[in-house]
């Protein structure tokens, strides 16, 4: 299940996994309780090791569960993954679809045979879910004789559950089409390492390993 938040004033939408957010906050509650318990009942080296383990798991869950999201704003699409940060302007987005994960297909740069495909960690779809969505679409089309002449994409959209990866991809794909038609600026996608996220995951883990081995 994918949740979305929309800021109409800033023309900004944020998509992320509901399950990942729930997992993150559930673990935060557990981690706080564990640290309080360690501080109250345990002392010495073992307490430090256990506390660092809790912090290391918290850092890993932050990067893997809480950070990942897809942001669509006036300028383009941003994919925030655990280790990488991608940004694609609307004019460079050719298509958005979902195959195991949400994918942003970008136009090929001059002289290249094909463009980059950016994958989102936040919005994922299993092959089984994709096949189920296609089956629902076929059943919906077959059961609507009165819908003859309607746009098949509209009927397909009605057959796909709201909040699914496929529905999110279709929503972003439609927005990309509108932005291109309105003359959105092009360019090439940008990619960079998400150093703050990497540090949050790596530093506590390294500290735990060092302290545990000393």
C-alpha atoms as a PDB file:
ATOM      1  CA  UNK A   1       0.000   0.000   0.000  1.00  0.00           C
ATOM      2  CA  UNK A   2       1.280   3.456  -0.964  1.00  0.00           C
ATOM      3  CA  UNK A   3       0.268   6.642   0.832  1.00  0.00           C
ATOM      4  CA  UNK A   4       0.365  10.097  -0.713  1.00  0.00           C
ATOM      5  CA  UNK A   5       0.520  13.579   0.752  1.00  0.00           C
ATOM      6  CA  UNK A   6      -0.322  16.593  -1.355  1.00  0.00           C
ATOM      7  CA  UNK A   7       0.582  20.231  -0.865  1.00  0.00           C
ATOM      8  CA  UNK A   8      -1.662  22.049  -3.316  1.00  0.00           C
ATOM      9  CA  UNK A   9      -0.074  25.410  -2.623  1.00  0.00           C
ATOM     10  CA  UNK A  10       3.348  24.116  -3.601  1.00  0.00           C
ATOM     11  CA  UNK A  11       2.041  21.681  -6.240  1.00  0.00           C
ATOM     12  CA  UNK A  12       3.926  18.949  -4.383  1.00  0.00           C
ATOM     13  CA  UNK A  13       3.035  15.289  -3.848  1.00  0.00           C
ATOM     14  CA  UNK A  14       4.872  12.757  -1.693  1.00  0.00           C
ATOM     15  CA  UNK A  15       4.451   8.988  -2.110  1.00  0.00           C
ATOM     16  CA  UNK A  16       5.790   6.391   0.313  1.00  0.00           C
ATOM     17  CA  UNK A  17       5.074   2.900   1.621  1.00  0.00           C
ATOM     18  CA  UNK A  18       2.511   2.779   4.430  1.00  0.00           C
ATOM     19  CA  UNK A  19       3.978  -0.450   5.794  1.00  0.00           C
ATOM     20  CA  UNK A  20       7.486   1.014   5.977  1.00  0.00           C
ATOM     21  CA  UNK A  21       6.299   4.071   7.893  1.00  0.00           C
ATOM     22  CA  UNK A  22       4.361   1.895  10.355  1.00  0.00           C
ATOM     23  CA  UNK A  23       7.429  -0.334  10.813  1.00  0.00           C
ATOM     24  CA  UNK A  24       9.610   2.702  11.500  1.00  0.00           C
ATOM     25  CA  UNK A  25       7.378   4.225  14.186  1.00  0.00           C
ATOM     26  CA  UNK A  26       6.751   0.845  15.808  1.00  0.00           C
ATOM     27  CA  UNK A  27      10.502   0.297  16.066  1.00  0.00           C
ATOM     28  CA  UNK A  28      11.053   3.836  17.442  1.00  0.00           C
ATOM     29  CA  UNK A  29       8.667   3.020  20.287  1.00  0.00           C
ATOM     30  CA  UNK A  30      10.453  -0.290  20.938  1.00  0.00           C
ATOM     31  CA  UNK A  31      13.901   1.343  20.776  1.00  0.00           C
ATOM     32  CA  UNK A  32      12.978   4.068  23.267  1.00  0.00           C
ATOM     33  CA  UNK A  33      11.597   1.493  25.692  1.00  0.00           C
ATOM     34  CA  UNK A  34      14.697  -0.698  25.284  1.00  0.00           C
ATOM     35  CA  UNK A  35      17.105   2.183  25.903  1.00  0.00           C
ATOM     36  CA  UNK A  36      15.207   3.267  29.002  1.00  0.00           C
ATOM     37  CA  UNK A  37      15.259  -0.305  30.296  1.00  0.00           C
ATOM     38  CA  UNK A  38      18.987  -0.647  29.623  1.00  0.00           C
ATOM     39  CA  UNK A  39      19.721   2.595  31.421  1.00  0.00           C
ATOM     40  CA  UNK A  40      17.692   1.514  34.436  1.00  0.00           C
ATOM     41  CA  UNK A  41      18.670  -2.149  34.832  1.00  0.00           C
ATOM     42  CA  UNK A  42      21.950  -2.860  33.093  1.00  0.00           C
ATOM     43  CA  UNK A  43      25.334  -1.267  33.467  1.00  0.00           C
ATOM     44  CA  UNK A  44      28.863  -1.586  32.174  1.00  0.00           C
ATOM     45  CA  UNK A  45      30.198  -2.715  28.841  1.00  0.00           C
ATOM     46  CA  UNK A  46      27.284  -4.983  27.984  1.00  0.00           C
ATOM     47  CA  UNK A  47      24.823  -2.111  28.370  1.00  0.00           C
ATOM     48  CA  UNK A  48      26.841   0.042  25.991  1.00  0.00           C
ATOM     49  CA  UNK A  49      26.983  -2.775  23.432  1.00  0.00           C
ATOM     50  CA  UNK A  50      23.241  -3.400  23.627  1.00  0.00           C
ATOM     51  CA  UNK A  51      22.458   0.314  23.398  1.00  0.00           C
ATOM     52  CA  UNK A  52      24.659   0.667  20.326  1.00  0.00           C
ATOM     53  CA  UNK A  53      22.921  -2.342  18.763  1.00  0.00           C
ATOM     54  CA  UNK A  54      19.536  -0.672  19.259  1.00  0.00           C
ATOM     55  CA  UNK A  55      20.859   2.564  17.741  1.00  0.00           C
ATOM     56  CA  UNK A  56      22.394   0.669  14.801  1.00  0.00           C
ATOM     57  CA  UNK A  57      19.088  -1.071  14.033  1.00  0.00           C
ATOM     58  CA  UNK A  58      17.320   2.295  14.311  1.00  0.00           C
ATOM     59  CA  UNK A  59      19.727   3.833  11.810  1.00  0.00           C
ATOM     60  CA  UNK A  60      19.260   0.952   9.390  1.00  0.00           C
ATOM     61  CA  UNK A  61      15.475   1.187   9.598  1.00  0.00           C
ATOM     62  CA  UNK A  62      15.632   4.943   9.065  1.00  0.00           C
ATOM     63  CA  UNK A  63      17.530   4.514   5.814  1.00  0.00           C
ATOM     64  CA  UNK A  64      15.656   1.446   4.578  1.00  0.00           C
ATOM     65  CA  UNK A  65      12.106   2.194   5.760  1.00  0.00           C
ATOM     66  CA  UNK A  66      11.531   5.824   6.742  1.00  0.00           C
ATOM     67  CA  UNK A  67      13.681   7.786   4.293  1.00  0.00           C
ATOM     68  CA  UNK A  68      12.586   6.267   0.947  1.00  0.00           C
ATOM     69  CA  UNK A  69       9.937   8.337  -0.820  1.00  0.00           C
ATOM     70  CA  UNK A  70       8.943   9.723  -4.199  1.00  0.00           C
ATOM     71  CA  UNK A  71       8.419  13.477  -4.460  1.00  0.00           C
ATOM     72  CA  UNK A  72       6.674  15.120  -7.400  1.00  0.00           C
ATOM     73  CA  UNK A  73       6.825  18.914  -7.496  1.00  0.00           C
ATOM     74  CA  UNK A  74       6.707  21.713 -10.005  1.00  0.00           C
ATOM     75  CA  UNK A  75      10.161  20.925 -11.369  1.00  0.00           C
ATOM     76  CA  UNK A  76      10.144  17.149 -11.683  1.00  0.00           C
ATOM     77  CA  UNK A  77      10.323  13.824  -9.832  1.00  0.00           C
ATOM     78  CA  UNK A  78      12.700  13.088  -6.953  1.00  0.00           C
ATOM     79  CA  UNK A  79      13.430   9.520  -5.839  1.00  0.00           C
ATOM     80  CA  UNK A  80      14.939   9.281  -2.373  1.00  0.00           C
ATOM     81  CA  UNK A  81      16.406   5.799  -1.905  1.00  0.00           C
ATOM     82  CA  UNK A  82      18.468   4.499   1.034  1.00  0.00           C
ATOM     83  CA  UNK A  83      21.836   5.145  -0.640  1.00  0.00           C
ATOM     84  CA  UNK A  84      21.062   7.286  -3.685  1.00  0.00           C
ATOM     85  CA  UNK A  85      19.117  10.443  -4.525  1.00  0.00           C
ATOM     86  CA  UNK A  86      17.703  10.879  -8.037  1.00  0.00           C
ATOM     87  CA  UNK A  87      16.145  13.941  -9.630  1.00  0.00           C
ATOM     88  CA  UNK A  88      14.509  13.984 -13.087  1.00  0.00           C
ATOM     89  CA  UNK A  89      12.990  17.157 -14.597  1.00  0.00           C
ATOM     90  CA  UNK A  90       9.528  16.706 -16.111  1.00  0.00           C
ATOM     91  CA  UNK A  91      10.774  17.450 -19.597  1.00  0.00           C
ATOM     92  CA  UNK A  92      13.120  14.456 -19.411  1.00  0.00           C
ATOM     93  CA  UNK A  93      10.509  11.982 -18.146  1.00  0.00           C
ATOM     94  CA  UNK A  94       9.200   9.832 -20.984  1.00  0.00           C
ATOM     95  CA  UNK A  95       7.184   7.354 -18.932  1.00  0.00           C
ATOM     96  CA  UNK A  96       6.523   6.183 -15.390  1.00  0.00           C
ATOM     97  CA  UNK A  97       5.516   2.567 -14.786  1.00  0.00           C
ATOM     98  CA  UNK A  98       5.709  -0.160 -12.145  1.00  0.00           C
ATOM     99  CA  UNK A  99       7.512  -3.463 -12.628  1.00  0.00           C
ATOM    100  CA  UNK A 100       8.697  -4.824  -9.260  1.00  0.00           C
ATOM    101  CA  UNK A 101       9.339  -1.162  -8.376  1.00  0.00           C
ATOM    102  CA  UNK A 102       8.201   2.202  -9.628  1.00  0.00           C
ATOM    103  CA  UNK A 103      10.359   3.156 -12.606  1.00  0.00           C
ATOM    104  CA  UNK A 104      10.987   6.546 -14.177  1.00  0.00           C
ATOM    105  CA  UNK A 105      12.061   6.258 -17.816  1.00  0.00           C
ATOM    106  CA  UNK A 106      14.150   9.245 -18.906  1.00  0.00           C
ATOM    107  CA  UNK A 107      14.862  10.503 -22.412  1.00  0.00           C
ATOM    108  CA  UNK A 108      18.177   9.527 -23.967  1.00  0.00           C
ATOM    109  CA  UNK A 109      20.845  12.229 -23.941  1.00  0.00           C
ATOM    110  CA  UNK A 110      22.274  13.420 -27.283  1.00  0.00           C
ATOM    111  CA  UNK A 111      24.326  10.664 -28.891  1.00  0.00           C
ATOM    112  CA  UNK A 112      23.017   7.901 -26.626  1.00  0.00           C
ATOM    113  CA  UNK A 113      20.839   5.025 -27.798  1.00  0.00           C
ATOM    114  CA  UNK A 114      18.669   4.916 -24.677  1.00  0.00           C
ATOM    115  CA  UNK A 115      17.966   6.891 -21.567  1.00  0.00           C
ATOM    116  CA  UNK A 116      18.309   5.992 -17.923  1.00  0.00           C
ATOM    117  CA  UNK A 117      15.676   4.150 -15.931  1.00  0.00           C
ATOM    118  CA  UNK A 118      15.433   5.280 -12.315  1.00  0.00           C
ATOM    119  CA  UNK A 119      14.047   2.843  -9.742  1.00  0.00           C
ATOM    120  CA  UNK A 120      12.292   3.778  -6.525  1.00  0.00           C
ATOM    121  CA  UNK A 121      12.887   1.845  -3.311  1.00  0.00           C
ATOM    122  CA  UNK A 122       9.819   3.457  -1.712  1.00  0.00           C
ATOM    123  CA  UNK A 123       7.149   2.283  -4.171  1.00  0.00           C
ATOM    124  CA  UNK A 124       7.456  -1.404  -4.998  1.00  0.00           C
ATOM    125  CA  UNK A 125       5.187  -3.961  -6.615  1.00  0.00           C
ATOM    126  CA  UNK A 126       5.601  -7.720  -6.631  1.00  0.00           C
ATOM    127  CA  UNK A 127       5.135  -9.600  -9.924  1.00  0.00           C
ATOM    128  CA  UNK A 128       2.102 -11.275  -8.362  1.00  0.00           C
ATOM    129  CA  UNK A 129       0.519  -7.887  -7.604  1.00  0.00           C
ATOM    130  CA  UNK A 130       1.207  -6.671 -11.138  1.00  0.00           C
ATOM    131  CA  UNK A 131      -0.410  -9.783 -12.638  1.00  0.00           C
ATOM    132  CA  UNK A 132      -3.398  -9.379 -10.329  1.00  0.00           C
ATOM    133  CA  UNK A 133      -3.836  -5.754 -11.388  1.00  0.00           C
ATOM    134  CA  UNK A 134      -3.732  -6.739 -15.061  1.00  0.00           C
ATOM    135  CA  UNK A 135      -6.287  -9.490 -14.457  1.00  0.00           C
ATOM    136  CA  UNK A 136      -8.607  -7.046 -12.710  1.00  0.00           C
ATOM    137  CA  UNK A 137      -8.249  -4.643 -15.611  1.00  0.00           C
ATOM    138  CA  UNK A 138      -9.162  -7.319 -18.151  1.00  0.00           C
ATOM    139  CA  UNK A 139     -12.176  -8.413 -16.106  1.00  0.00           C
ATOM    140  CA  UNK A 140     -13.349  -4.816 -15.735  1.00  0.00           C
ATOM    141  CA  UNK A 141     -13.083  -4.175 -19.465  1.00  0.00           C
ATOM    142  CA  UNK A 142     -14.889  -7.411 -20.296  1.00  0.00           C
ATOM    143  CA  UNK A 143     -17.702  -6.646 -17.851  1.00  0.00           C
ATOM    144  CA  UNK A 144     -18.427  -3.146 -19.206  1.00  0.00           C
ATOM    145  CA  UNK A 145     -20.256  -3.407 -22.514  1.00  0.00           C
ATOM    146  CA  UNK A 146     -21.644   0.057 -21.877  1.00  0.00           C
ATOM    147  CA  UNK A 147     -18.129   1.371 -21.687  1.00  0.00           C
ATOM    148  CA  UNK A 148     -17.419   0.714 -25.376  1.00  0.00           C
ATOM    149  CA  UNK A 149     -15.643   3.685 -26.843  1.00  0.00           C
ATOM    150  CA  UNK A 150     -14.311   4.898 -23.499  1.00  0.00           C
ATOM    151  CA  UNK A 151     -10.619   5.386 -22.944  1.00  0.00           C
ATOM    152  CA  UNK A 152      -9.279   1.927 -21.906  1.00  0.00           C
ATOM    153  CA  UNK A 153      -6.801   3.625 -19.578  1.00  0.00           C
ATOM    154  CA  UNK A 154      -9.707   5.099 -17.636  1.00  0.00           C
ATOM    155  CA  UNK A 155     -11.343   1.716 -17.167  1.00  0.00           C
ATOM    156  CA  UNK A 156      -8.010   0.210 -16.210  1.00  0.00           C
ATOM    157  CA  UNK A 157      -7.508   2.935 -13.629  1.00  0.00           C
ATOM    158  CA  UNK A 158     -10.878   2.173 -12.080  1.00  0.00           C
ATOM    159  CA  UNK A 159      -9.910  -1.511 -11.783  1.00  0.00           C
ATOM    160  CA  UNK A 160      -6.621  -0.868  -9.998  1.00  0.00           C
ATOM    161  CA  UNK A 161      -6.823  -0.312  -6.230  1.00  0.00           C
ATOM    162  CA  UNK A 162      -6.100   3.224  -5.145  1.00  0.00           C
ATOM    163  CA  UNK A 163      -2.750   3.361  -3.349  1.00  0.00           C
ATOM    164  CA  UNK A 164      -1.158   0.502  -5.294  1.00  0.00           C
ATOM    165  CA  UNK A 165       2.203   0.871  -7.012  1.00  0.00           C
ATOM    166  CA  UNK A 166       0.473   0.643 -10.398  1.00  0.00           C
ATOM    167  CA  UNK A 167      -1.971   3.423  -9.490  1.00  0.00           C
ATOM    168  CA  UNK A 168       0.895   5.604  -8.246  1.00  0.00           C
ATOM    169  CA  UNK A 169       2.865   5.017 -11.456  1.00  0.00           C
ATOM    170  CA  UNK A 170      -0.158   5.880 -13.575  1.00  0.00           C
ATOM    171  CA  UNK A 171      -0.794   9.059 -11.579  1.00  0.00           C
ATOM    172  CA  UNK A 172       2.807  10.202 -11.998  1.00  0.00           C
ATOM    173  CA  UNK A 173       2.833   9.210 -15.665  1.00  0.00           C
ATOM    174  CA  UNK A 174      -0.264  11.339 -16.288  1.00  0.00           C
ATOM    175  CA  UNK A 175       1.284  14.280 -14.502  1.00  0.00           C
ATOM    176  CA  UNK A 176       4.487  13.895 -16.510  1.00  0.00           C
ATOM    177  CA  UNK A 177       2.410  13.978 -19.722  1.00  0.00           C
ATOM    178  CA  UNK A 178       0.644  17.170 -18.620  1.00  0.00           C
ATOM    179  CA  UNK A 179       3.911  18.822 -17.606  1.00  0.00           C
ATOM    180  CA  UNK A 180       5.543  17.993 -20.953  1.00  0.00           C
ATOM    181  CA  UNK A 181       2.558  19.324 -22.872  1.00  0.00           C
ATOM    182  CA  UNK A 182       2.720  22.547 -20.880  1.00  0.00           C
ATOM    183  CA  UNK A 183       6.348  23.026 -21.910  1.00  0.00           C
ATOM    184  CA  UNK A 184       8.264  21.739 -18.880  1.00  0.00           C
ATOM    185  CA  UNK A 185      12.020  22.177 -19.067  1.00  0.00           C
ATOM    186  CA  UNK A 186      14.078  19.175 -20.080  1.00  0.00           C
ATOM    187  CA  UNK A 187      17.569  18.133 -19.141  1.00  0.00           C
ATOM    188  CA  UNK A 188      19.221  15.031 -17.804  1.00  0.00           C
ATOM    189  CA  UNK A 189      18.460  13.222 -14.561  1.00  0.00           C
ATOM    190  CA  UNK A 190      20.802  13.855 -11.672  1.00  0.00           C
ATOM    191  CA  UNK A 191      22.095  11.219  -9.273  1.00  0.00           C
ATOM    192  CA  UNK A 192      24.133  11.607  -6.127  1.00  0.00           C
ATOM    193  CA  UNK A 193      24.982   9.631  -3.029  1.00  0.00           C
ATOM    194  CA  UNK A 194      22.686  10.211  -0.054  1.00  0.00           C
ATOM    195  CA  UNK A 195      25.509  10.830   2.376  1.00  0.00           C
ATOM    196  CA  UNK A 196      23.364  11.824   5.403  1.00  0.00           C
ATOM    197  CA  UNK A 197      21.358   8.602   5.082  1.00  0.00           C
ATOM    198  CA  UNK A 198      24.533   6.558   4.595  1.00  0.00           C
ATOM    199  CA  UNK A 199      26.055   8.136   7.703  1.00  0.00           C
ATOM    200  CA  UNK A 200      22.947   7.460   9.793  1.00  0.00           C
ATOM    201  CA  UNK A 201      23.114   3.778   8.832  1.00  0.00           C
ATOM    202  CA  UNK A 202      26.875   3.261   8.842  1.00  0.00           C
ATOM    203  CA  UNK A 203      28.198   5.209  11.837  1.00  0.00           C
ATOM    204  CA  UNK A 204      26.147   3.432  14.558  1.00  0.00           C
ATOM    205  CA  UNK A 205      26.906   0.063  12.969  1.00  0.00           C
ATOM    206  CA  UNK A 206      30.640   0.730  12.924  1.00  0.00           C
ATOM    207  CA  UNK A 207      30.507   1.966  16.515  1.00  0.00           C
ATOM    208  CA  UNK A 208      28.639  -1.173  17.587  1.00  0.00           C
ATOM    209  CA  UNK A 209      31.175  -3.465  15.900  1.00  0.00           C
ATOM    210  CA  UNK A 210      34.156  -1.612  17.395  1.00  0.00           C
ATOM    211  CA  UNK A 211      32.757  -1.566  20.939  1.00  0.00           C
ATOM    212  CA  UNK A 212      31.537  -5.176  20.746  1.00  0.00           C
ATOM    213  CA  UNK A 213      34.990  -6.402  19.712  1.00  0.00           C
ATOM    214  CA  UNK A 214      36.904  -4.470  22.404  1.00  0.00           C
END
